[in-house]
Amino acid sequence: MDKNNWVLVNKFLAYLQRVKHPDPKTLSRYRSYLTLLLYWAGDTPFTQVQEIEPGFLSYLESRYSKKNQRPFSPGNLAKDSWPDEQVV
């Protein structure tokens, strides 16, 4: 995992918490979504993610379908728990 990506995600979450004061569940959801982004990006800096294949949406679809045994839809992001691992 690219260390700078991890730092950027954590800075964003700190900013969000400091400035927006979100509900703890909202912050947890953001953390889960951004963890998925970190896994997908892997060692690729965020500035170069346009080169990653498959794209992020395809990655989410594949990961979701394997875990939940049903097709992915954006509405399922908030309903289902993701990911299994916590990195952030």
Protein backbone atom coordinates (compact mmCIF):
# COMPACT_ATOMS: atom_id res chain seq x y z
CA MET A 1 0.00 0.00 0.00
CA ASP A 2 1.31 3.43 -0.93
CA LYS A 3 2.20 5.25 2.28
CA ASN A 4 1.34 8.68 0.87
CA ASN A 5 -2.16 7.46 -0.04
CA TRP A 6 -2.61 6.24 3.53
CA VAL A 7 -1.43 9.62 4.87
CA LEU A 8 -3.82 11.49 2.55
CA VAL A 9 -6.77 9.37 3.62
CA ASN A 10 -6.00 9.88 7.30
CA LYS A 11 -5.53 13.62 6.84
CA PHE A 12 -8.90 13.80 5.09
CA LEU A 13 -10.60 11.85 7.88
CA ALA A 14 -9.01 14.10 10.51
CA TYR A 15 -10.16 17.17 8.58
CA LEU A 16 -13.65 15.77 8.25
CA GLN A 17 -13.85 15.08 11.96
CA ARG A 18 -12.38 18.46 12.94
CA VAL A 19 -14.37 20.66 10.55
CA LYS A 20 -17.61 18.83 9.81
CA HIS A 21 -18.10 16.98 13.11
CA PRO A 22 -19.87 14.03 11.49
CA ASP A 23 -21.82 11.40 13.34
CA PRO A 24 -19.46 8.57 14.40
CA LYS A 25 -21.32 6.17 12.09
CA THR A 26 -20.77 8.51 9.15
CA LEU A 27 -17.06 8.76 9.92
CA SER A 28 -16.85 4.97 10.19
CA ARG A 29 -18.58 4.59 6.82
CA TYR A 30 -16.16 7.03 5.19
CA ARG A 31 -13.27 5.08 6.72
CA SER A 32 -14.61 1.83 5.26
CA TYR A 33 -15.07 3.33 1.80
CA LEU A 34 -11.61 4.89 1.81
CA THR A 35 -10.08 1.63 2.99
CA LEU A 36 -11.53 -0.01 -0.12
CA LEU A 37 -9.95 2.74 -2.20
CA LEU A 38 -6.59 2.09 -0.52
CA TYR A 39 -6.81 -1.65 -1.21
CA TRP A 40 -7.70 -1.04 -4.84
CA ALA A 41 -4.90 1.49 -5.36
CA GLY A 42 -2.36 -0.79 -3.70
CA ASP A 43 1.16 0.54 -4.34
CA THR A 44 -0.06 3.02 -6.96
CA PRO A 45 -0.09 6.67 -5.87
CA PHE A 46 -3.50 8.31 -6.10
CA THR A 47 -2.06 10.64 -8.75
CA GLN A 48 -1.64 7.63 -11.06
CA VAL A 49 -4.73 5.52 -10.34
CA GLN A 50 -6.18 6.20 -13.80
CA GLU A 51 -3.70 3.55 -15.00
CA ILE A 52 -5.08 0.76 -12.78
CA GLU A 53 -7.08 -1.99 -14.44
CA PRO A 54 -9.72 -2.99 -13.53
CA GLY A 55 -11.11 0.39 -12.54
CA PHE A 56 -12.39 1.13 -9.06
CA LEU A 57 -16.05 0.44 -9.85
CA SER A 58 -15.18 -2.95 -11.38
CA TYR A 59 -13.09 -3.72 -8.29
CA LEU A 60 -16.04 -2.87 -6.02
CA GLU A 61 -18.44 -4.95 -8.10
CA SER A 62 -16.15 -7.98 -8.02
CA ARG A 63 -15.35 -7.72 -4.32
CA TYR A 64 -18.97 -7.13 -3.35
CA SER A 65 -20.37 -9.96 -5.45
CA LYS A 66 -17.84 -12.45 -4.03
CA LYS A 67 -18.58 -11.43 -0.44
CA ASN A 68 -22.37 -11.08 -0.60
CA GLN A 69 -23.35 -13.57 -3.29
CA ARG A 70 -25.47 -10.97 -5.07
CA PRO A 71 -24.92 -8.21 -7.62
CA PHE A 72 -23.40 -4.92 -6.56
CA SER A 73 -25.34 -1.68 -6.64
CA PRO A 74 -24.21 1.69 -5.24
CA GLY A 75 -27.09 1.63 -2.77
CA ASN A 76 -25.57 -1.45 -1.15
CA LEU A 77 -22.49 0.49 -0.06
CA ALA A 78 -24.30 1.94 2.93
CA LYS A 79 -26.32 -1.17 3.73
CA ASP A 80 -23.62 -3.81 3.85
CA SER A 81 -20.50 -3.89 5.95
CA TRP A 82 -17.20 -3.53 4.13
CA PRO A 83 -14.38 -4.32 4.15
CA ASP A 84 -13.42 -7.28 6.30
CA GLU A 85 -10.02 -5.74 7.05
CA GLN A 86 -9.44 -2.39 8.71
CA VAL A 87 -6.37 -0.56 7.48
CA VAL A 88 -7.10 3.07 8.14
